Each structure stands twice: as C-alpha cells, then as structure tokens.
C-alpha cells in the first residue's frame, strides 16, 4: 500500500472516531431506521452481539469497521 493510501485511511479512521455518535445515539439511529442488530451486523459482516456491544458502549468498532459503521449510521440517519 502506498503512503498516500495509508494516509487517507488513517485520516478517515481519525475522522470516524471523532464523529462516531455516543452509544445510545447509535442504537437510536438503528431503531429509528427499523433495523435489528442482526441487520446492521449482516451489513458490516460482524455478529449481532458485536453491534450490541458497540451500542452499549462496551466495545468500539476499530479499523475499517469504524469507518464502515459510521458511514452506515450516517446513511440511516438521513432516511
């Protein structure tokens, strides 16, 4: 991977970490969109329990999942 691609990925992750809503808001966004934890997990390729832990604040998404999860939450919020 070239330096520019790594920088872009690192910047995207830093922005996503900064912009990730609080756990309670993550859950509210999903519920308001009418989706289950399983729906979100399936979209992201993670188990339902992982989404549950993110929404309870027990864990936080990392790496590419952080960016993908934030992108999904933004899309759900704009429905």
PDB file of N, CA and C in Angstrom:
ATOM      1  N   UNK A   1       0.864  -1.180   0.000  1.00  0.00           N
ATOM      2  CA  UNK A   1       0.000   0.000   0.000  1.00  0.00           C
ATOM      3  C   UNK A   1       0.899   1.228   0.000  1.00  0.00           C
ATOM      4  N   UNK A   2       0.577   2.203  -0.849  1.00  0.00           N
ATOM      5  CA  UNK A   2       1.425   3.383  -0.900  1.00  0.00           C
ATOM      6  C   UNK A   2       1.116   4.345   0.253  1.00  0.00           C
ATOM      7  N   UNK A   3       2.020   5.301   0.451  1.00  0.00           N
ATOM      8  CA  UNK A   3       1.909   6.233   1.576  1.00  0.00           C
ATOM      9  C   UNK A   3       0.639   7.057   1.505  1.00  0.00           C
ATOM     10  N   UNK A   4       0.265   7.504   0.318  1.00  0.00           N
ATOM     11  CA  UNK A   4      -0.935   8.321   0.173  1.00  0.00           C
ATOM     12  C   UNK A   4      -2.186   7.534   0.565  1.00  0.00           C
ATOM     13  N   UNK A   5      -2.279   6.276   0.163  1.00  0.00           N
ATOM     14  CA  UNK A   5      -3.434   5.450   0.515  1.00  0.00           C
ATOM     15  C   UNK A   5      -3.492   5.224   2.021  1.00  0.00           C
ATOM     16  N   UNK A   6      -2.335   4.981   2.650  1.00  0.00           N
ATOM     17  CA  UNK A   6      -2.310   4.782   4.098  1.00  0.00           C
ATOM     18  C   UNK A   6      -2.730   6.057   4.823  1.00  0.00           C
ATOM     19  N   UNK A   7      -2.260   7.205   4.333  1.00  0.00           N
ATOM     20  CA  UNK A   7      -2.618   8.470   4.960  1.00  0.00           C
ATOM     21  C   UNK A   7      -4.116   8.700   4.847  1.00  0.00           C
ATOM     22  N   UNK A   8      -4.679   8.430   3.692  1.00  0.00           N
ATOM     23  CA  UNK A   8      -6.110   8.600   3.503  1.00  0.00           C
ATOM     24  C   UNK A   8      -6.888   7.698   4.448  1.00  0.00           C
ATOM     25  N   UNK A   9      -6.463   6.440   4.606  1.00  0.00           N
ATOM     26  CA  UNK A   9      -7.114   5.517   5.516  1.00  0.00           C
ATOM     27  C   UNK A   9      -6.997   5.978   6.957  1.00  0.00           C
ATOM     28  N   UNK A  10      -5.819   6.452   7.346  1.00  0.00           N
ATOM     29  CA  UNK A  10      -5.607   6.920   8.711  1.00  0.00           C
ATOM     30  C   UNK A  10      -6.456   8.153   8.989  1.00  0.00           C
ATOM     31  N   UNK A  11      -6.546   9.039   8.037  1.00  0.00           N
ATOM     32  CA  UNK A  11      -7.353  10.244   8.212  1.00  0.00           C
ATOM     33  C   UNK A  11      -8.824   9.879   8.307  1.00  0.00           C
ATOM     34  N   UNK A  12      -9.264   8.954   7.469  1.00  0.00           N
ATOM     35  CA  UNK A  12     -10.667   8.519   7.519  1.00  0.00           C
ATOM     36  C   UNK A  12     -10.987   7.887   8.871  1.00  0.00           C
ATOM     37  N   UNK A  13     -10.086   7.089   9.403  1.00  0.00           N
ATOM     38  CA  UNK A  13     -10.309   6.459  10.708  1.00  0.00           C
ATOM     39  C   UNK A  13     -10.339   7.497  11.821  1.00  0.00           C
ATOM     40  N   UNK A  14      -9.434   8.471  11.764  1.00  0.00           N
ATOM     41  CA  UNK A  14      -9.403   9.522  12.790  1.00  0.00           C
ATOM     42  C   UNK A  14     -10.690  10.349  12.762  1.00  0.00           C
ATOM     43  N   UNK A  15     -11.147  10.678  11.573  1.00  0.00           N
ATOM     44  CA  UNK A  15     -12.402  11.434  11.452  1.00  0.00           C
ATOM     45  C   UNK A  15     -13.587  10.614  11.951  1.00  0.00           C
ATOM     46  N   UNK A  16     -13.613   9.342  11.595  1.00  0.00           N
ATOM     47  CA  UNK A  16     -14.710   8.474  12.023  1.00  0.00           C
ATOM     48  C   UNK A  16     -14.732   8.349  13.538  1.00  0.00           C
ATOM     49  N   UNK A  17     -13.574   8.205  14.154  1.00  0.00           N
ATOM     50  CA  UNK A  17     -13.502   8.098  15.606  1.00  0.00           C
ATOM     51  C   UNK A  17     -14.035   9.369  16.264  1.00  0.00           C
ATOM     52  N   UNK A  18     -13.674  10.502  15.712  1.00  0.00           N
ATOM     53  CA  UNK A  18     -14.135  11.788  16.240  1.00  0.00           C
ATOM     54  C   UNK A  18     -15.644  11.955  16.061  1.00  0.00           C
ATOM     55  N   UNK A  19     -16.172  11.474  14.933  1.00  0.00           N
ATOM     56  CA  UNK A  19     -17.574  11.717  14.580  1.00  0.00           C
ATOM     57  C   UNK A  19     -18.533  10.612  15.028  1.00  0.00           C
ATOM     58  N   UNK A  20     -18.011   9.518  15.566  1.00  0.00           N
ATOM     59  CA  UNK A  20     -18.868   8.403  15.971  1.00  0.00           C
ATOM     60  C   UNK A  20     -19.813   8.862  17.088  1.00  0.00           C
ATOM     61  N   UNK A  21     -21.119   8.694  16.891  1.00  0.00           N
ATOM     62  CA  UNK A  21     -22.078   9.112  17.929  1.00  0.00           C
ATOM     63  C   UNK A  21     -21.905   8.307  19.218  1.00  0.00           C
ATOM     64  N   UNK A  22     -22.432   8.838  20.295  1.00  0.00           N
ATOM     65  CA  UNK A  22     -22.437   8.133  21.573  1.00  0.00           C
ATOM     66  C   UNK A  22     -23.206   6.826  21.418  1.00  0.00           C
ATOM     67  N   UNK A  23     -22.885   5.834  22.223  1.00  0.00           N
ATOM     68  CA  UNK A  23     -23.536   4.526  22.090  1.00  0.00           C
ATOM     69  C   UNK A  23     -25.070   4.581  22.073  1.00  0.00           C
ATOM     70  N   UNK A  24     -25.671   5.365  22.944  1.00  0.00           N
ATOM     71  CA  UNK A  24     -27.130   5.441  22.994  1.00  0.00           C
ATOM     72  C   UNK A  24     -27.706   6.007  21.691  1.00  0.00           C
ATOM     73  N   UNK A  25     -26.996   6.952  21.095  1.00  0.00           N
ATOM     74  CA  UNK A  25     -27.450   7.539  19.832  1.00  0.00           C
ATOM     75  C   UNK A  25     -27.291   6.546  18.686  1.00  0.00           C
ATOM     76  N   UNK A  26     -26.244   5.733  18.733  1.00  0.00           N
ATOM     77  CA  UNK A  26     -26.059   4.702  17.704  1.00  0.00           C
ATOM     78  C   UNK A  26     -27.282   3.782  17.678  1.00  0.00           C
ATOM     79  N   UNK A  27     -27.694   3.363  18.862  1.00  0.00           N
ATOM     80  CA  UNK A  27     -28.857   2.478  18.966  1.00  0.00           C
ATOM     81  C   UNK A  27     -30.112   3.174  18.466  1.00  0.00           C
ATOM     82  N   UNK A  28     -30.299   4.430  18.861  1.00  0.00           N
ATOM     83  CA  UNK A  28     -31.488   5.181  18.448  1.00  0.00           C
ATOM     84  C   UNK A  28     -31.549   5.317  16.931  1.00  0.00           C
ATOM     85  N   UNK A  29     -30.421   5.558  16.298  1.00  0.00           N
ATOM     86  CA  UNK A  29     -30.385   5.680  14.832  1.00  0.00           C
ATOM     87  C   UNK A  29     -30.832   4.369  14.189  1.00  0.00           C
ATOM     88  N   UNK A  30     -30.307   3.255  14.701  1.00  0.00           N
ATOM     89  CA  UNK A  30     -30.669   1.947  14.150  1.00  0.00           C
ATOM     90  C   UNK A  30     -32.145   1.643  14.357  1.00  0.00           C
ATOM     91  N   UNK A  31     -32.629   1.872  15.567  1.00  0.00           N
ATOM     92  CA  UNK A  31     -34.032   1.587  15.882  1.00  0.00           C
ATOM     93  C   UNK A  31     -34.956   2.470  15.052  1.00  0.00           C
ATOM     94  N   UNK A  32     -34.628   3.744  14.925  1.00  0.00           N
ATOM     95  CA  UNK A  32     -35.460   4.661  14.132  1.00  0.00           C
ATOM     96  C   UNK A  32     -35.508   4.268  12.656  1.00  0.00           C
ATOM     97  N   UNK A  33     -34.458   3.608  12.190  1.00  0.00           N
ATOM     98  CA  UNK A  33     -34.436   3.134  10.799  1.00  0.00           C
ATOM     99  C   UNK A  33     -35.185   1.812  10.648  1.00  0.00           C
ATOM    100  N   UNK A  34     -35.594   1.224  11.773  1.00  0.00           N
ATOM    101  CA  UNK A  34     -36.348  -0.028  11.720  1.00  0.00           C
ATOM    102  C   UNK A  34     -35.489  -1.263  11.501  1.00  0.00           C
ATOM    103  N   UNK A  35     -34.225  -1.175  11.873  1.00  0.00           N
ATOM    104  CA  UNK A  35     -33.314  -2.300  11.669  1.00  0.00           C
ATOM    105  C   UNK A  35     -32.986  -2.987  12.981  1.00  0.00           C
ATOM    106  N   UNK A  36     -32.681  -4.267  12.892  1.00  0.00           N
ATOM    107  CA  UNK A  36     -32.258  -5.026  14.059  1.00  0.00           C
ATOM    108  C   UNK A  36     -30.731  -4.984  14.144  1.00  0.00           C
ATOM    109  N   UNK A  37     -30.217  -5.417  15.292  1.00  0.00           N
ATOM    110  CA  UNK A  37     -28.769  -5.542  15.436  1.00  0.00           C
ATOM    111  C   UNK A  37     -28.234  -6.521  14.399  1.00  0.00           C
ATOM    112  N   UNK A  38     -29.008  -7.559  14.128  1.00  0.00           N
ATOM    113  CA  UNK A  38     -28.605  -8.556  13.139  1.00  0.00           C
ATOM    114  C   UNK A  38     -28.522  -7.952  11.737  1.00  0.00           C
ATOM    115  N   UNK A  39     -29.461  -7.052  11.407  1.00  0.00           N
ATOM    116  CA  UNK A  39     -29.422  -6.386  10.104  1.00  0.00           C
ATOM    117  C   UNK A  39     -28.126  -5.591   9.937  1.00  0.00           C
ATOM    118  N   UNK A  40     -27.800  -4.818  10.961  1.00  0.00           N
ATOM    119  CA  UNK A  40     -26.586  -3.988  10.902  1.00  0.00           C
ATOM    120  C   UNK A  40     -25.348  -4.875  10.872  1.00  0.00           C
ATOM    121  N   UNK A  41     -25.333  -5.888  11.712  1.00  0.00           N
ATOM    122  CA  UNK A  41     -24.201  -6.812  11.716  1.00  0.00           C
ATOM    123  C   UNK A  41     -24.004  -7.483  10.372  1.00  0.00           C
ATOM    124  N   UNK A  42     -25.090  -7.906   9.754  1.00  0.00           N
ATOM    125  CA  UNK A  42     -25.005  -8.534   8.439  1.00  0.00           C
ATOM    126  C   UNK A  42     -24.456  -7.588   7.384  1.00  0.00           C
ATOM    127  N   UNK A  43     -24.855  -6.347   7.462  1.00  0.00           N
ATOM    128  CA  UNK A  43     -24.369  -5.332   6.515  1.00  0.00           C
ATOM    129  C   UNK A  43     -22.864  -5.111   6.668  1.00  0.00           C
ATOM    130  N   UNK A  44     -22.394  -5.189   7.906  1.00  0.00           N
ATOM    131  CA  UNK A  44     -20.979  -4.917   8.182  1.00  0.00           C
ATOM    132  C   UNK A  44     -20.117  -6.172   8.254  1.00  0.00           C
ATOM    133  N   UNK A  45     -20.760  -7.336   8.247  1.00  0.00           N
ATOM    134  CA  UNK A  45     -20.010  -8.581   8.322  1.00  0.00           C
ATOM    135  C   UNK A  45     -19.544  -8.923   9.729  1.00  0.00           C
ATOM    136  N   UNK A  46     -20.311  -8.494  10.729  1.00  0.00           N
ATOM    137  CA  UNK A  46     -19.997  -8.817  12.119  1.00  0.00           C
ATOM    138  C   UNK A  46     -21.211  -9.482  12.766  1.00  0.00           C
ATOM    139  N   UNK A  47     -21.013 -10.089  13.907  1.00  0.00           N
ATOM    140  CA  UNK A  47     -22.085 -10.757  14.627  1.00  0.00           C
ATOM    141  C   UNK A  47     -22.999  -9.730  15.292  1.00  0.00           C
ATOM    142  N   UNK A  48     -24.239 -10.108  15.493  1.00  0.00           N
ATOM    143  CA  UNK A  48     -25.217  -9.256  16.167  1.00  0.00           C
ATOM    144  C   UNK A  48     -24.718  -8.798  17.530  1.00  0.00           C
ATOM    145  N   UNK A  49     -24.054  -9.691  18.243  1.00  0.00           N
ATOM    146  CA  UNK A  49     -23.540  -9.363  19.579  1.00  0.00           C
ATOM    147  C   UNK A  49     -22.498  -8.249  19.525  1.00  0.00           C
ATOM    148  N   UNK A  50     -21.760  -8.177  18.441  1.00  0.00           N
ATOM    149  CA  UNK A  50     -20.777  -7.107  18.280  1.00  0.00           C
ATOM    150  C   UNK A  50     -21.476  -5.763  18.199  1.00  0.00           C
ATOM    151  N   UNK A  51     -22.532  -5.693  17.413  1.00  0.00           N
ATOM    152  CA  UNK A  51     -23.303  -4.452  17.290  1.00  0.00           C
ATOM    153  C   UNK A  51     -23.893  -4.084  18.652  1.00  0.00           C
ATOM    154  N   UNK A  52     -24.397  -5.068  19.365  1.00  0.00           N
ATOM    155  CA  UNK A  52     -24.947  -4.848  20.707  1.00  0.00           C
ATOM    156  C   UNK A  52     -23.898  -4.221  21.619  1.00  0.00           C
ATOM    157  N   UNK A  53     -22.697  -4.751  21.605  1.00  0.00           N
ATOM    158  CA  UNK A  53     -21.621  -4.220  22.459  1.00  0.00           C
ATOM    159  C   UNK A  53     -21.246  -2.794  22.069  1.00  0.00           C
ATOM    160  N   UNK A  54     -21.258  -2.500  20.756  1.00  0.00           N
ATOM    161  CA  UNK A  54     -20.985  -1.132  20.321  1.00  0.00           C
ATOM    162  C   UNK A  54     -22.052  -0.178  20.850  1.00  0.00           C
ATOM    163  N   UNK A  55     -23.288  -0.632  20.817  1.00  0.00           N
ATOM    164  CA  UNK A  55     -24.406   0.220  21.239  1.00  0.00           C
ATOM    165  C   UNK A  55     -24.501   0.351  22.759  1.00  0.00           C
ATOM    166  N   UNK A  56     -23.926  -0.576  23.484  1.00  0.00           N
ATOM    167  CA  UNK A  56     -23.889  -0.484  24.943  1.00  0.00           C
ATOM    168  C   UNK A  56     -22.650   0.264  25.439  1.00  0.00           C
ATOM    169  N   UNK A  57     -21.730   0.554  24.538  1.00  0.00           N
ATOM    170  CA  UNK A  57     -20.501   1.236  24.905  1.00  0.00           C
ATOM    171  C   UNK A  57     -19.474   0.310  25.540  1.00  0.00           C
ATOM    172  N   UNK A  58     -19.686  -0.994  25.430  1.00  0.00           N
ATOM    173  CA  UNK A  58     -18.740  -1.967  25.981  1.00  0.00           C
ATOM    174  C   UNK A  58     -17.519  -2.129  25.084  1.00  0.00           C
ATOM    175  N   UNK A  59     -17.715  -1.928  23.822  1.00  0.00           N
ATOM    176  CA  UNK A  59     -16.653  -2.015  22.815  1.00  0.00           C
ATOM    177  C   UNK A  59     -16.871  -0.893  21.802  1.00  0.00           C
ATOM    178  N   UNK A  60     -15.822  -0.632  21.032  1.00  0.00           N
ATOM    179  CA  UNK A  60     -15.920   0.339  19.944  1.00  0.00           C
ATOM    180  C   UNK A  60     -15.406  -0.307  18.672  1.00  0.00           C
ATOM    181  N   UNK A  61     -16.018   0.025  17.544  1.00  0.00           N
ATOM    182  CA  UNK A  61     -15.510  -0.520  16.286  1.00  0.00           C
ATOM    183  C   UNK A  61     -14.109   0.035  16.020  1.00  0.00           C
ATOM    184  N   UNK A  62     -13.296  -0.763  15.349  1.00  0.00           N
ATOM    185  CA  UNK A  62     -11.938  -0.336  15.038  1.00  0.00           C
ATOM    186  C   UNK A  62     -11.648  -0.565  13.567  1.00  0.00           C
ATOM    187  N   UNK A  63     -10.621   0.104  13.105  1.00  0.00           N
ATOM    188  CA  UNK A  63     -10.140  -0.083  11.745  1.00  0.00           C
ATOM    189  C   UNK A  63     -11.192   0.220  10.695  1.00  0.00           C
ATOM    190  N   UNK A  64     -11.231  -0.632   9.680  1.00  0.00           N
ATOM    191  CA  UNK A  64     -12.158  -0.396   8.580  1.00  0.00           C
ATOM    192  C   UNK A  64     -13.616  -0.484   9.044  1.00  0.00           C
ATOM    193  N   UNK A  65     -13.878  -1.265  10.107  1.00  0.00           N
ATOM    194  CA  UNK A  65     -15.248  -1.363  10.620  1.00  0.00           C
ATOM    195  C   UNK A  65     -15.721  -0.042  11.207  1.00  0.00           C
ATOM    196  N   UNK A  66     -14.822   0.701  11.811  1.00  0.00           N
ATOM    197  CA  UNK A  66     -15.167   2.011  12.356  1.00  0.00           C
ATOM    198  C   UNK A  66     -15.687   2.922  11.248  1.00  0.00           C
ATOM    199  N   UNK A  67     -14.949   2.983  10.160  1.00  0.00           N
ATOM    200  CA  UNK A  67     -15.335   3.842   9.032  1.00  0.00           C
ATOM    201  C   UNK A  67     -16.644   3.350   8.411  1.00  0.00           C
ATOM    202  N   UNK A  68     -16.773   2.042   8.215  1.00  0.00           N
ATOM    203  CA  UNK A  68     -17.978   1.471   7.609  1.00  0.00           C
ATOM    204  C   UNK A  68     -19.201   1.677   8.499  1.00  0.00           C
ATOM    205  N   UNK A  69     -19.033   1.499   9.813  1.00  0.00           N
ATOM    206  CA  UNK A  69     -20.146   1.662  10.755  1.00  0.00           C
ATOM    207  C   UNK A  69     -20.624   3.112  10.773  1.00  0.00           C
ATOM    208  N   UNK A  70     -19.692   4.045  10.823  1.00  0.00           N
ATOM    209  CA  UNK A  70     -20.077   5.456  10.813  1.00  0.00           C
ATOM    210  C   UNK A  70     -20.788   5.807   9.513  1.00  0.00           C
ATOM    211  N   UNK A  71     -20.278   5.303   8.403  1.00  0.00           N
ATOM    212  CA  UNK A  71     -20.917   5.559   7.110  1.00  0.00           C
ATOM    213  C   UNK A  71     -22.344   5.020   7.101  1.00  0.00           C
ATOM    214  N   UNK A  72     -22.532   3.818   7.617  1.00  0.00           N
ATOM    215  CA  UNK A  72     -23.868   3.224   7.689  1.00  0.00           C
ATOM    216  C   UNK A  72     -24.788   4.047   8.593  1.00  0.00           C
ATOM    217  N   UNK A  73     -24.291   4.466   9.753  1.00  0.00           N
ATOM    218  CA  UNK A  73     -25.119   5.285  10.661  1.00  0.00           C
ATOM    219  C   UNK A  73     -25.536   6.593   9.998  1.00  0.00           C
ATOM    220  N   UNK A  74     -24.626   7.210   9.279  1.00  0.00           N
ATOM    221  CA  UNK A  74     -24.951   8.471   8.574  1.00  0.00           C
ATOM    222  C   UNK A  74     -26.047   8.240   7.528  1.00  0.00           C
ATOM    223  N   UNK A  75     -25.934   7.146   6.802  1.00  0.00           N
ATOM    224  CA  UNK A  75     -26.948   6.838   5.786  1.00  0.00           C
ATOM    225  C   UNK A  75     -28.300   6.557   6.428  1.00  0.00           C
ATOM    226  N   UNK A  76     -28.298   5.819   7.534  1.00  0.00           N
ATOM    227  CA  UNK A  76     -29.554   5.519   8.230  1.00  0.00           C
ATOM    228  C   UNK A  76     -30.172   6.787   8.803  1.00  0.00           C
ATOM    229  N   UNK A  77     -29.338   7.681   9.268  1.00  0.00           N
ATOM    230  CA  UNK A  77     -29.831   8.919   9.875  1.00  0.00           C
ATOM    231  C   UNK A  77     -30.487   9.818   8.824  1.00  0.00           C
ATOM    232  N   UNK A  78     -30.047   9.712   7.586  1.00  0.00           N
ATOM    233  CA  UNK A  78     -30.584  10.586   6.548  1.00  0.00           C
ATOM    234  C   UNK A  78     -31.818  10.019   5.864  1.00  0.00           C
ATOM    235  N   UNK A  79     -32.303   8.865   6.313  1.00  0.00           N
ATOM    236  CA  UNK A  79     -33.502   8.263   5.709  1.00  0.00           C
ATOM    237  C   UNK A  79     -34.730   9.083   6.015  1.00  0.00           C
TER     238      UNK A  79
END
